[in-house]
Amino acid sequence: MAAAQPVERPICQVADALVGSVDTHLAEWDAQIEVGLNATVNCSMFLEFVYLSRDRIRLQLEYIKGNFSQEDEAFRAAGGEGASTTWAMTHMSTAASLVSAHIHIHGVLAAARPECLSENLQLLFLMSLRRLKTLLHGQLRHLWIIFQGTAELFRQGAARWLAELVELFEADLRTMETVMVSWVPPPAERAEA
């Protein structure tokens, strides 16, 4: 008679999945930093990488916002008050994690390649950082609302917060496109061309 295999509890499976998910994100973020720090990449390619990376974050935030809105509408259409607070908090937390990773990655890259950033790009990145900081503080305020027992206000606030986050990234990308039209590569890169 074969010995019965011990059954893993569902909570352990969830914990393993969460750890695996975090490990995957960390590996992706480390890879982004390695690509950005590659000294053989010229400034034009570096800035294209930065732009595409920001655009990817914007797209992921747009998906989170879209999923939040669509699922909340489905709950309401079914006659409910909307999705649970835990559900809404999951969407906000995912978005906040993406933004936090973005800030750290792009901070490292901007510090490592200052020769690639014109004054206007530096100003854009600083203004973006300031607005992102304000939005991340706003996320903490929304978490405080949960502890006050106002779930409906939290869901409404989460929807507004996600929309503001997506709008900020869209505006930053439009501004970066405008700034890049007049961007001139550093002298060393122009000499190589």
N, C-alpha and C. Protein backbone atom coordinates (compact mmCIF):
# COMPACT_ATOMS: atom_id res chain seq x y z
N MET A 1 0.85 -1.17 0.00
CA MET A 1 0.00 0.00 0.00
C MET A 1 0.90 1.24 0.00
N ALA A 2 0.65 2.13 -0.94
CA ALA A 2 1.48 3.32 -1.08
C ALA A 2 1.12 4.32 0.00
N ALA A 3 2.14 5.00 0.47
CA ALA A 3 1.91 6.02 1.49
C ALA A 3 1.25 7.23 0.84
N ALA A 4 0.29 7.78 1.53
CA ALA A 4 -0.43 8.94 1.01
C ALA A 4 0.49 10.15 1.00
N GLN A 5 0.44 10.88 -0.09
CA GLN A 5 1.23 12.10 -0.20
C GLN A 5 0.59 13.18 0.66
N PRO A 6 1.41 13.92 1.39
CA PRO A 6 0.80 15.00 2.18
C PRO A 6 0.20 16.05 1.24
N VAL A 7 -0.97 16.50 1.60
CA VAL A 7 -1.67 17.48 0.78
C VAL A 7 -1.28 18.88 1.27
N GLU A 8 -0.90 19.70 0.32
CA GLU A 8 -0.53 21.06 0.65
C GLU A 8 -1.79 21.88 0.87
N ARG A 9 -1.81 22.64 1.93
CA ARG A 9 -2.98 23.47 2.23
C ARG A 9 -3.11 24.56 1.18
N PRO A 10 -4.34 24.95 0.83
CA PRO A 10 -4.56 25.99 -0.19
C PRO A 10 -3.84 27.30 0.13
N ILE A 11 -3.79 27.67 1.41
CA ILE A 11 -3.13 28.93 1.77
C ILE A 11 -1.65 28.86 1.43
N CYS A 12 -1.04 27.69 1.55
CA CYS A 12 0.38 27.54 1.19
C CYS A 12 0.56 27.68 -0.32
N GLN A 13 -0.39 27.16 -1.08
CA GLN A 13 -0.31 27.29 -2.53
C GLN A 13 -0.42 28.76 -2.95
N VAL A 14 -1.30 29.51 -2.28
CA VAL A 14 -1.45 30.94 -2.58
C VAL A 14 -0.15 31.66 -2.23
N ALA A 15 0.42 31.34 -1.08
CA ALA A 15 1.68 31.99 -0.67
C ALA A 15 2.79 31.69 -1.67
N ASP A 16 2.89 30.44 -2.11
CA ASP A 16 3.91 30.08 -3.10
C ASP A 16 3.70 30.84 -4.41
N ALA A 17 2.45 30.98 -4.82
CA ALA A 17 2.14 31.70 -6.06
C ALA A 17 2.52 33.17 -5.93
N LEU A 18 2.23 33.77 -4.76
CA LEU A 18 2.58 35.18 -4.55
C LEU A 18 4.09 35.39 -4.56
N VAL A 19 4.82 34.50 -3.89
CA VAL A 19 6.28 34.61 -3.87
C VAL A 19 6.84 34.45 -5.29
N GLY A 20 6.30 33.49 -6.04
CA GLY A 20 6.74 33.30 -7.42
C GLY A 20 6.46 34.51 -8.28
N SER A 21 5.31 35.14 -8.06
CA SER A 21 4.94 36.33 -8.82
C SER A 21 5.90 37.48 -8.51
N VAL A 22 6.22 37.68 -7.26
CA VAL A 22 7.14 38.75 -6.86
C VAL A 22 8.52 38.48 -7.45
N ASP A 23 8.97 37.22 -7.38
CA ASP A 23 10.28 36.87 -7.94
C ASP A 23 10.34 37.17 -9.44
N THR A 24 9.25 36.88 -10.15
CA THR A 24 9.20 37.15 -11.59
C THR A 24 9.30 38.65 -11.86
N HIS A 25 8.55 39.45 -11.09
CA HIS A 25 8.62 40.90 -11.27
C HIS A 25 10.01 41.44 -10.97
N LEU A 26 10.62 40.94 -9.91
CA LEU A 26 11.97 41.40 -9.57
C LEU A 26 12.96 41.07 -10.68
N ALA A 27 12.84 39.89 -11.26
CA ALA A 27 13.73 39.52 -12.36
C ALA A 27 13.52 40.44 -13.57
N GLU A 28 12.26 40.75 -13.88
CA GLU A 28 11.96 41.66 -15.00
C GLU A 28 12.52 43.05 -14.73
N TRP A 29 12.37 43.53 -13.50
CA TRP A 29 12.86 44.87 -13.16
C TRP A 29 14.39 44.91 -13.20
N ASP A 30 15.03 43.86 -12.70
CA ASP A 30 16.50 43.79 -12.77
C ASP A 30 16.97 43.79 -14.22
N ALA A 31 16.25 43.09 -15.07
CA ALA A 31 16.61 43.05 -16.50
C ALA A 31 16.48 44.43 -17.12
N GLN A 32 15.46 45.19 -16.73
CA GLN A 32 15.29 46.56 -17.26
C GLN A 32 16.49 47.43 -16.86
N ILE A 33 16.93 47.29 -15.63
CA ILE A 33 18.07 48.09 -15.17
C ILE A 33 19.33 47.68 -15.92
N GLU A 34 19.53 46.38 -16.13
CA GLU A 34 20.71 45.92 -16.88
C GLU A 34 20.72 46.48 -18.29
N VAL A 35 19.57 46.46 -18.96
CA VAL A 35 19.49 47.00 -20.32
C VAL A 35 19.79 48.49 -20.31
N GLY A 36 19.19 49.22 -19.39
CA GLY A 36 19.37 50.67 -19.31
C GLY A 36 20.79 51.09 -18.95
N LEU A 37 21.48 50.26 -18.18
CA LEU A 37 22.83 50.60 -17.75
C LEU A 37 23.90 50.15 -18.76
N ASN A 38 23.49 49.48 -19.79
CA ASN A 38 24.42 49.00 -20.81
C ASN A 38 25.11 50.21 -21.47
N ALA A 39 26.39 50.38 -21.21
CA ALA A 39 27.13 51.55 -21.71
C ALA A 39 27.30 51.54 -23.22
N THR A 40 27.09 50.40 -23.86
CA THR A 40 27.24 50.36 -25.32
C THR A 40 26.01 50.91 -26.04
N VAL A 41 24.94 51.13 -25.30
CA VAL A 41 23.72 51.69 -25.88
C VAL A 41 23.86 53.20 -25.93
N ASN A 42 23.70 53.79 -27.11
CA ASN A 42 23.83 55.25 -27.22
C ASN A 42 22.62 55.94 -26.59
N CYS A 43 22.71 57.25 -26.44
CA CYS A 43 21.66 58.01 -25.76
C CYS A 43 20.32 57.94 -26.48
N SER A 44 20.33 57.93 -27.80
CA SER A 44 19.08 57.84 -28.55
C SER A 44 18.35 56.54 -28.22
N MET A 45 19.09 55.46 -28.23
CA MET A 45 18.48 54.16 -27.91
C MET A 45 18.08 54.10 -26.43
N PHE A 46 18.89 54.70 -25.56
CA PHE A 46 18.57 54.74 -24.14
C PHE A 46 17.24 55.46 -23.91
N LEU A 47 17.08 56.63 -24.54
CA LEU A 47 15.84 57.39 -24.36
C LEU A 47 14.64 56.69 -24.97
N GLU A 48 14.87 55.99 -26.07
CA GLU A 48 13.79 55.18 -26.65
C GLU A 48 13.38 54.09 -25.67
N PHE A 49 14.37 53.47 -25.04
CA PHE A 49 14.10 52.44 -24.03
C PHE A 49 13.29 53.03 -22.86
N VAL A 50 13.70 54.21 -22.38
CA VAL A 50 13.00 54.86 -21.28
C VAL A 50 11.56 55.17 -21.67
N TYR A 51 11.38 55.69 -22.87
CA TYR A 51 10.04 56.01 -23.36
C TYR A 51 9.17 54.75 -23.42
N LEU A 52 9.70 53.70 -24.04
CA LEU A 52 8.93 52.47 -24.19
C LEU A 52 8.63 51.82 -22.84
N SER A 53 9.56 51.94 -21.92
CA SER A 53 9.35 51.40 -20.58
C SER A 53 8.21 52.15 -19.88
N ARG A 54 8.22 53.47 -19.99
CA ARG A 54 7.14 54.28 -19.39
C ARG A 54 5.80 53.96 -20.07
N ASP A 55 5.84 53.76 -21.37
CA ASP A 55 4.62 53.44 -22.10
C ASP A 55 4.08 52.08 -21.66
N ARG A 56 4.97 51.15 -21.40
CA ARG A 56 4.53 49.82 -20.95
C ARG A 56 3.87 49.92 -19.57
N ILE A 57 4.44 50.72 -18.68
CA ILE A 57 3.82 50.92 -17.37
C ILE A 57 2.45 51.57 -17.55
N ARG A 58 2.36 52.58 -18.43
CA ARG A 58 1.08 53.23 -18.69
C ARG A 58 0.05 52.22 -19.18
N LEU A 59 0.45 51.35 -20.08
CA LEU A 59 -0.46 50.34 -20.61
C LEU A 59 -0.92 49.38 -19.51
N GLN A 60 0.00 48.96 -18.65
CA GLN A 60 -0.38 48.07 -17.55
C GLN A 60 -1.34 48.78 -16.60
N LEU A 61 -1.10 50.07 -16.33
CA LEU A 61 -2.01 50.83 -15.48
C LEU A 61 -3.38 50.98 -16.13
N GLU A 62 -3.37 51.15 -17.43
CA GLU A 62 -4.64 51.25 -18.17
C GLU A 62 -5.43 49.94 -18.05
N TYR A 63 -4.74 48.80 -18.14
CA TYR A 63 -5.40 47.51 -17.98
C TYR A 63 -5.98 47.37 -16.58
N ILE A 64 -5.21 47.76 -15.57
CA ILE A 64 -5.69 47.67 -14.19
C ILE A 64 -6.94 48.53 -14.03
N LYS A 65 -6.88 49.75 -14.52
CA LYS A 65 -8.03 50.67 -14.44
C LYS A 65 -9.23 50.09 -15.19
N GLY A 66 -8.99 49.56 -16.39
CA GLY A 66 -10.08 48.99 -17.18
C GLY A 66 -10.71 47.79 -16.49
N ASN A 67 -9.88 46.91 -15.95
CA ASN A 67 -10.40 45.74 -15.23
C ASN A 67 -11.21 46.17 -14.01
N PHE A 68 -10.68 47.16 -13.29
CA PHE A 68 -11.39 47.67 -12.11
C PHE A 68 -12.76 48.20 -12.51
N SER A 69 -12.79 49.05 -13.51
CA SER A 69 -14.06 49.67 -13.94
C SER A 69 -15.05 48.64 -14.44
N GLN A 70 -14.58 47.73 -15.28
CA GLN A 70 -15.46 46.73 -15.87
C GLN A 70 -16.03 45.80 -14.81
N GLU A 71 -15.18 45.34 -13.89
CA GLU A 71 -15.65 44.42 -12.86
C GLU A 71 -16.59 45.13 -11.89
N ASP A 72 -16.31 46.39 -11.56
CA ASP A 72 -17.18 47.13 -10.66
C ASP A 72 -18.56 47.33 -11.29
N GLU A 73 -18.59 47.65 -12.59
CA GLU A 73 -19.86 47.80 -13.29
C GLU A 73 -20.63 46.49 -13.33
N ALA A 74 -19.93 45.37 -13.48
CA ALA A 74 -20.58 44.06 -13.50
C ALA A 74 -21.22 43.76 -12.15
N PHE A 75 -20.52 44.09 -11.06
CA PHE A 75 -21.08 43.88 -9.72
C PHE A 75 -22.34 44.72 -9.54
N ARG A 76 -22.30 45.96 -10.00
CA ARG A 76 -23.46 46.85 -9.86
C ARG A 76 -24.62 46.39 -10.74
N ALA A 77 -24.31 45.91 -11.94
CA ALA A 77 -25.36 45.44 -12.85
C ALA A 77 -26.07 44.21 -12.27
N ALA A 78 -25.34 43.44 -11.48
CA ALA A 78 -25.93 42.25 -10.86
C ALA A 78 -26.74 42.62 -9.62
N GLY A 79 -26.82 43.91 -9.32
CA GLY A 79 -27.64 44.35 -8.18
C GLY A 79 -26.86 44.55 -6.91
N GLY A 80 -25.57 44.40 -6.94
CA GLY A 80 -24.76 44.61 -5.75
C GLY A 80 -24.38 46.06 -5.58
N GLU A 81 -23.69 46.33 -4.48
CA GLU A 81 -23.23 47.69 -4.21
C GLU A 81 -21.92 47.98 -4.93
N GLY A 82 -21.38 47.01 -5.54
CA GLY A 82 -20.06 47.15 -6.15
C GLY A 82 -19.15 46.08 -5.58
N ALA A 83 -17.96 46.09 -6.03
CA ALA A 83 -17.01 45.07 -5.59
C ALA A 83 -16.60 45.32 -4.14
N SER A 84 -15.96 44.32 -3.55
CA SER A 84 -15.56 44.42 -2.15
C SER A 84 -14.38 45.39 -2.00
N THR A 85 -14.19 45.83 -0.80
CA THR A 85 -13.07 46.72 -0.49
C THR A 85 -11.75 46.01 -0.75
N THR A 86 -11.66 44.75 -0.37
CA THR A 86 -10.44 43.98 -0.59
C THR A 86 -10.12 43.91 -2.08
N TRP A 87 -11.14 43.69 -2.88
CA TRP A 87 -10.96 43.62 -4.33
C TRP A 87 -10.43 44.96 -4.86
N ALA A 88 -11.04 46.07 -4.42
CA ALA A 88 -10.61 47.39 -4.88
C ALA A 88 -9.18 47.67 -4.41
N MET A 89 -8.88 47.28 -3.19
CA MET A 89 -7.55 47.51 -2.65
C MET A 89 -6.49 46.73 -3.44
N THR A 90 -6.84 45.56 -3.93
CA THR A 90 -5.90 44.77 -4.73
C THR A 90 -5.52 45.51 -6.00
N HIS A 91 -6.48 46.13 -6.65
CA HIS A 91 -6.19 46.90 -7.87
C HIS A 91 -5.28 48.09 -7.57
N MET A 92 -5.60 48.81 -6.49
CA MET A 92 -4.79 49.97 -6.13
C MET A 92 -3.38 49.55 -5.74
N SER A 93 -3.27 48.48 -5.00
CA SER A 93 -1.96 48.00 -4.56
C SER A 93 -1.10 47.57 -5.75
N THR A 94 -1.71 46.90 -6.71
CA THR A 94 -0.97 46.48 -7.91
C THR A 94 -0.46 47.69 -8.66
N ALA A 95 -1.32 48.69 -8.84
CA ALA A 95 -0.92 49.91 -9.54
C ALA A 95 0.17 50.65 -8.77
N ALA A 96 0.03 50.74 -7.46
CA ALA A 96 1.03 51.44 -6.65
C ALA A 96 2.38 50.72 -6.72
N SER A 97 2.36 49.41 -6.76
CA SER A 97 3.61 48.65 -6.88
C SER A 97 4.30 48.92 -8.21
N LEU A 98 3.51 48.97 -9.28
CA LEU A 98 4.08 49.28 -10.60
C LEU A 98 4.71 50.67 -10.61
N VAL A 99 4.02 51.64 -10.04
CA VAL A 99 4.52 53.00 -10.01
C VAL A 99 5.78 53.09 -9.15
N SER A 100 5.77 52.42 -8.02
CA SER A 100 6.94 52.43 -7.15
C SER A 100 8.15 51.82 -7.86
N ALA A 101 7.95 50.70 -8.53
CA ALA A 101 9.05 50.08 -9.28
C ALA A 101 9.53 51.02 -10.38
N HIS A 102 8.58 51.65 -11.06
CA HIS A 102 8.93 52.59 -12.13
C HIS A 102 9.81 53.71 -11.59
N ILE A 103 9.43 54.29 -10.46
CA ILE A 103 10.19 55.39 -9.87
C ILE A 103 11.62 54.93 -9.55
N HIS A 104 11.75 53.76 -8.95
CA HIS A 104 13.07 53.27 -8.59
C HIS A 104 13.93 52.95 -9.81
N ILE A 105 13.35 52.26 -10.76
CA ILE A 105 14.11 51.88 -11.96
C ILE A 105 14.54 53.12 -12.74
N HIS A 106 13.63 54.03 -12.97
CA HIS A 106 13.97 55.21 -13.76
C HIS A 106 14.85 56.19 -12.99
N GLY A 107 14.78 56.15 -11.68
CA GLY A 107 15.71 56.95 -10.88
C GLY A 107 17.14 56.45 -11.04
N VAL A 108 17.31 55.13 -11.00
CA VAL A 108 18.64 54.54 -11.20
C VAL A 108 19.15 54.85 -12.60
N LEU A 109 18.28 54.70 -13.59
CA LEU A 109 18.71 54.92 -14.98
C LEU A 109 19.05 56.38 -15.24
N ALA A 110 18.24 57.30 -14.72
CA ALA A 110 18.51 58.73 -14.93
C ALA A 110 19.82 59.14 -14.26
N ALA A 111 20.07 58.60 -13.08
CA ALA A 111 21.31 58.92 -12.38
C ALA A 111 22.53 58.33 -13.09
N ALA A 112 22.36 57.19 -13.71
CA ALA A 112 23.48 56.51 -14.38
C ALA A 112 23.81 57.11 -15.74
N ARG A 113 22.84 57.73 -16.39
CA ARG A 113 23.05 58.26 -17.75
C ARG A 113 22.67 59.74 -17.85
N PRO A 114 23.21 60.60 -16.99
CA PRO A 114 22.81 62.01 -17.01
C PRO A 114 23.16 62.72 -18.32
N GLU A 115 24.18 62.23 -19.01
CA GLU A 115 24.57 62.87 -20.28
C GLU A 115 23.49 62.74 -21.34
N CYS A 116 22.57 61.81 -21.16
CA CYS A 116 21.50 61.60 -22.14
C CYS A 116 20.29 62.49 -21.90
N LEU A 117 20.23 63.11 -20.75
CA LEU A 117 19.03 63.87 -20.38
C LEU A 117 19.25 65.37 -20.54
N SER A 118 18.53 65.95 -21.46
CA SER A 118 18.57 67.41 -21.62
C SER A 118 17.92 68.04 -20.39
N GLU A 119 18.08 69.35 -20.26
CA GLU A 119 17.45 70.06 -19.15
C GLU A 119 15.94 69.85 -19.15
N ASN A 120 15.34 69.90 -20.33
CA ASN A 120 13.88 69.72 -20.42
C ASN A 120 13.46 68.31 -19.99
N LEU A 121 14.24 67.30 -20.35
CA LEU A 121 13.91 65.94 -19.92
C LEU A 121 14.10 65.79 -18.41
N GLN A 122 15.14 66.41 -17.87
CA GLN A 122 15.35 66.36 -16.42
C GLN A 122 14.18 67.01 -15.71
N LEU A 123 13.73 68.15 -16.22
CA LEU A 123 12.59 68.85 -15.63
C LEU A 123 11.33 67.99 -15.72
N LEU A 124 11.11 67.38 -16.87
CA LEU A 124 9.94 66.50 -17.04
C LEU A 124 9.97 65.37 -16.02
N PHE A 125 11.12 64.72 -15.86
CA PHE A 125 11.21 63.60 -14.94
C PHE A 125 11.02 64.05 -13.49
N LEU A 126 11.55 65.22 -13.13
CA LEU A 126 11.36 65.73 -11.77
C LEU A 126 9.89 66.09 -11.51
N MET A 127 9.25 66.72 -12.48
CA MET A 127 7.83 67.07 -12.31
C MET A 127 6.98 65.80 -12.23
N SER A 128 7.31 64.82 -13.03
CA SER A 128 6.59 63.56 -13.00
C SER A 128 6.77 62.88 -11.64
N LEU A 129 7.98 62.91 -11.13
CA LEU A 129 8.25 62.33 -9.81
C LEU A 129 7.42 63.02 -8.74
N ARG A 130 7.34 64.34 -8.81
CA ARG A 130 6.55 65.10 -7.83
C ARG A 130 5.07 64.71 -7.90
N ARG A 131 4.54 64.59 -9.11
CA ARG A 131 3.12 64.24 -9.25
C ARG A 131 2.87 62.79 -8.84
N LEU A 132 3.81 61.90 -9.14
CA LEU A 132 3.66 60.51 -8.72
C LEU A 132 3.70 60.39 -7.20
N LYS A 133 4.57 61.17 -6.58
CA LYS A 133 4.64 61.17 -5.11
C LYS A 133 3.30 61.58 -4.53
N THR A 134 2.71 62.62 -5.09
CA THR A 134 1.40 63.09 -4.61
C THR A 134 0.35 61.99 -4.77
N LEU A 135 0.37 61.30 -5.91
CA LEU A 135 -0.61 60.23 -6.13
C LEU A 135 -0.37 59.05 -5.18
N LEU A 136 0.88 58.72 -4.90
CA LEU A 136 1.15 57.62 -3.97
C LEU A 136 0.72 57.99 -2.55
N HIS A 137 0.89 59.25 -2.18
CA HIS A 137 0.36 59.69 -0.88
C HIS A 137 -1.16 59.60 -0.87
N GLY A 138 -1.77 59.91 -2.01
CA GLY A 138 -3.22 59.78 -2.13
C GLY A 138 -3.68 58.34 -1.94
N GLN A 139 -2.89 57.41 -2.42
CA GLN A 139 -3.23 56.00 -2.25
C GLN A 139 -3.25 55.66 -0.76
N LEU A 140 -2.32 56.20 0.00
CA LEU A 140 -2.31 55.95 1.45
C LEU A 140 -3.54 56.56 2.12
N ARG A 141 -3.98 57.72 1.64
CA ARG A 141 -5.21 58.32 2.18
C ARG A 141 -6.41 57.42 1.91
N HIS A 142 -6.44 56.82 0.72
CA HIS A 142 -7.54 55.91 0.41
C HIS A 142 -7.53 54.70 1.33
N LEU A 143 -6.35 54.21 1.66
CA LEU A 143 -6.28 53.09 2.60
C LEU A 143 -6.83 53.50 3.97
N TRP A 144 -6.59 54.74 4.35
CA TRP A 144 -7.13 55.23 5.62
C TRP A 144 -8.65 55.22 5.60
N ILE A 145 -9.24 55.51 4.46
CA ILE A 145 -10.71 55.51 4.34
C ILE A 145 -11.26 54.13 4.66
N ILE A 146 -10.53 53.08 4.29
CA ILE A 146 -10.98 51.71 4.59
C ILE A 146 -11.17 51.55 6.10
N PHE A 147 -10.20 52.04 6.86
CA PHE A 147 -10.26 51.86 8.31
C PHE A 147 -11.35 52.69 8.95
N GLN A 148 -11.90 53.63 8.21
CA GLN A 148 -13.02 54.41 8.72
C GLN A 148 -14.35 53.75 8.37
N GLY A 149 -14.31 52.63 7.67
CA GLY A 149 -15.53 51.88 7.36
C GLY A 149 -16.36 52.47 6.25
N THR A 150 -15.76 53.15 5.32
CA THR A 150 -16.51 53.75 4.22
C THR A 150 -16.11 53.10 2.91
N ALA A 151 -16.58 51.88 2.71
CA ALA A 151 -16.19 51.08 1.54
C ALA A 151 -16.59 51.74 0.22
N GLU A 152 -17.80 52.30 0.17
CA GLU A 152 -18.25 52.91 -1.08
C GLU A 152 -17.37 54.10 -1.46
N LEU A 153 -17.02 54.92 -0.49
CA LEU A 153 -16.11 56.04 -0.76
C LEU A 153 -14.76 55.54 -1.23
N PHE A 154 -14.32 54.43 -0.65
CA PHE A 154 -13.04 53.87 -1.06
C PHE A 154 -13.08 53.43 -2.52
N ARG A 155 -14.14 52.71 -2.92
CA ARG A 155 -14.25 52.25 -4.31
C ARG A 155 -14.28 53.43 -5.27
N GLN A 156 -15.04 54.46 -4.91
CA GLN A 156 -15.09 55.66 -5.77
C GLN A 156 -13.72 56.33 -5.85
N GLY A 157 -13.06 56.45 -4.71
CA GLY A 157 -11.73 57.05 -4.67
C GLY A 157 -10.72 56.23 -5.44
N ALA A 158 -10.82 54.90 -5.36
CA ALA A 158 -9.90 54.03 -6.09
C ALA A 158 -10.06 54.23 -7.59
N ALA A 159 -11.29 54.36 -8.04
CA ALA A 159 -11.54 54.58 -9.47
C ALA A 159 -10.93 55.90 -9.92
N ARG A 160 -11.13 56.96 -9.14
CA ARG A 160 -10.55 58.27 -9.48
C ARG A 160 -9.03 58.21 -9.46
N TRP A 161 -8.47 57.55 -8.45
CA TRP A 161 -7.02 57.46 -8.31
C TRP A 161 -6.40 56.73 -9.50
N LEU A 162 -7.00 55.62 -9.90
CA LEU A 162 -6.48 54.88 -11.05
C LEU A 162 -6.57 55.72 -12.32
N ALA A 163 -7.66 56.46 -12.48
CA ALA A 163 -7.81 57.32 -13.66
C ALA A 163 -6.74 58.42 -13.66
N GLU A 164 -6.48 59.03 -12.51
CA GLU A 164 -5.45 60.07 -12.42
C GLU A 164 -4.07 59.52 -12.76
N LEU A 165 -3.80 58.30 -12.30
CA LEU A 165 -2.51 57.67 -12.56
C LEU A 165 -2.30 57.44 -14.05
N VAL A 166 -3.31 56.92 -14.71
CA VAL A 166 -3.22 56.68 -16.15
C VAL A 166 -3.07 58.01 -16.89
N GLU A 167 -3.85 59.01 -16.50
CA GLU A 167 -3.76 60.33 -17.13
C GLU A 167 -2.37 60.93 -16.98
N LEU A 168 -1.77 60.76 -15.80
CA LEU A 168 -0.43 61.30 -15.58
C LEU A 168 0.58 60.67 -16.53
N PHE A 169 0.54 59.35 -16.66
CA PHE A 169 1.48 58.67 -17.55
C PHE A 169 1.23 59.06 -19.01
N GLU A 170 -0.03 59.21 -19.39
CA GLU A 170 -0.32 59.63 -20.77
C GLU A 170 0.21 61.03 -21.03
N ALA A 171 0.00 61.94 -20.08
CA ALA A 171 0.49 63.31 -20.24
C ALA A 171 2.02 63.34 -20.28
N ASP A 172 2.66 62.56 -19.42
CA ASP A 172 4.13 62.51 -19.43
C ASP A 172 4.67 62.00 -20.75
N LEU A 173 4.02 61.00 -21.31
CA LEU A 173 4.49 60.46 -22.59
C LEU A 173 4.31 61.48 -23.71
N ARG A 174 3.18 62.18 -23.71
CA ARG A 174 2.97 63.23 -24.72
C ARG A 174 4.03 64.33 -24.58
N THR A 175 4.31 64.72 -23.35
CA THR A 175 5.31 65.76 -23.11
C THR A 175 6.69 65.27 -23.53
N MET A 176 7.00 64.02 -23.22
CA MET A 176 8.31 63.47 -23.60
C MET A 176 8.45 63.46 -25.12
N GLU A 177 7.38 63.11 -25.83
CA GLU A 177 7.43 63.14 -27.29
C GLU A 177 7.73 64.55 -27.80
N THR A 178 7.08 65.55 -27.20
CA THR A 178 7.29 66.94 -27.60
C THR A 178 8.73 67.38 -27.32
N VAL A 179 9.25 67.02 -26.15
CA VAL A 179 10.61 67.39 -25.78
C VAL A 179 11.62 66.70 -26.69
N MET A 180 11.35 65.46 -27.03
CA MET A 180 12.31 64.68 -27.83
C MET A 180 12.45 65.22 -29.25
N VAL A 181 11.46 65.97 -29.74
CA VAL A 181 11.55 66.55 -31.08
C VAL A 181 12.76 67.48 -31.17
N SER A 182 13.03 68.23 -30.09
CA SER A 182 14.15 69.17 -30.12
C SER A 182 15.40 68.64 -29.41
N TRP A 183 15.38 67.38 -28.98
CA TRP A 183 16.52 66.80 -28.27
C TRP A 183 17.70 66.62 -29.22
N VAL A 184 18.87 66.96 -28.73
CA VAL A 184 20.10 66.81 -29.51
C VAL A 184 21.00 65.85 -28.74
N PRO A 185 21.53 64.83 -29.43
CA PRO A 185 22.43 63.88 -28.74
C PRO A 185 23.65 64.62 -28.17
N PRO A 186 24.24 64.05 -27.12
CA PRO A 186 25.43 64.68 -26.55
C PRO A 186 26.56 64.72 -27.59
N PRO A 187 27.51 65.64 -27.42
CA PRO A 187 28.59 65.79 -28.40
C PRO A 187 29.36 64.50 -28.72
N ALA A 188 29.62 63.69 -27.71
CA ALA A 188 30.36 62.45 -27.94
C ALA A 188 29.60 61.52 -28.89
N GLU A 189 28.29 61.47 -28.74
CA GLU A 189 27.48 60.62 -29.62
C GLU A 189 27.41 61.19 -31.03
N ARG A 190 27.35 62.51 -31.15
CA ARG A 190 27.32 63.14 -32.47
C ARG A 190 28.66 62.92 -33.19
N ALA A 191 29.76 62.92 -32.45
CA ALA A 191 31.07 62.72 -33.04
C ALA A 191 31.22 61.30 -33.62
N GLU A 192 30.56 60.34 -32.97
CA GLU A 192 30.61 58.95 -33.44
C GLU A 192 29.81 58.76 -34.71
N ALA A 193 28.78 59.57 -34.90
CA ALA A 193 27.87 59.39 -36.04
C ALA A 193 28.45 59.80 -37.34
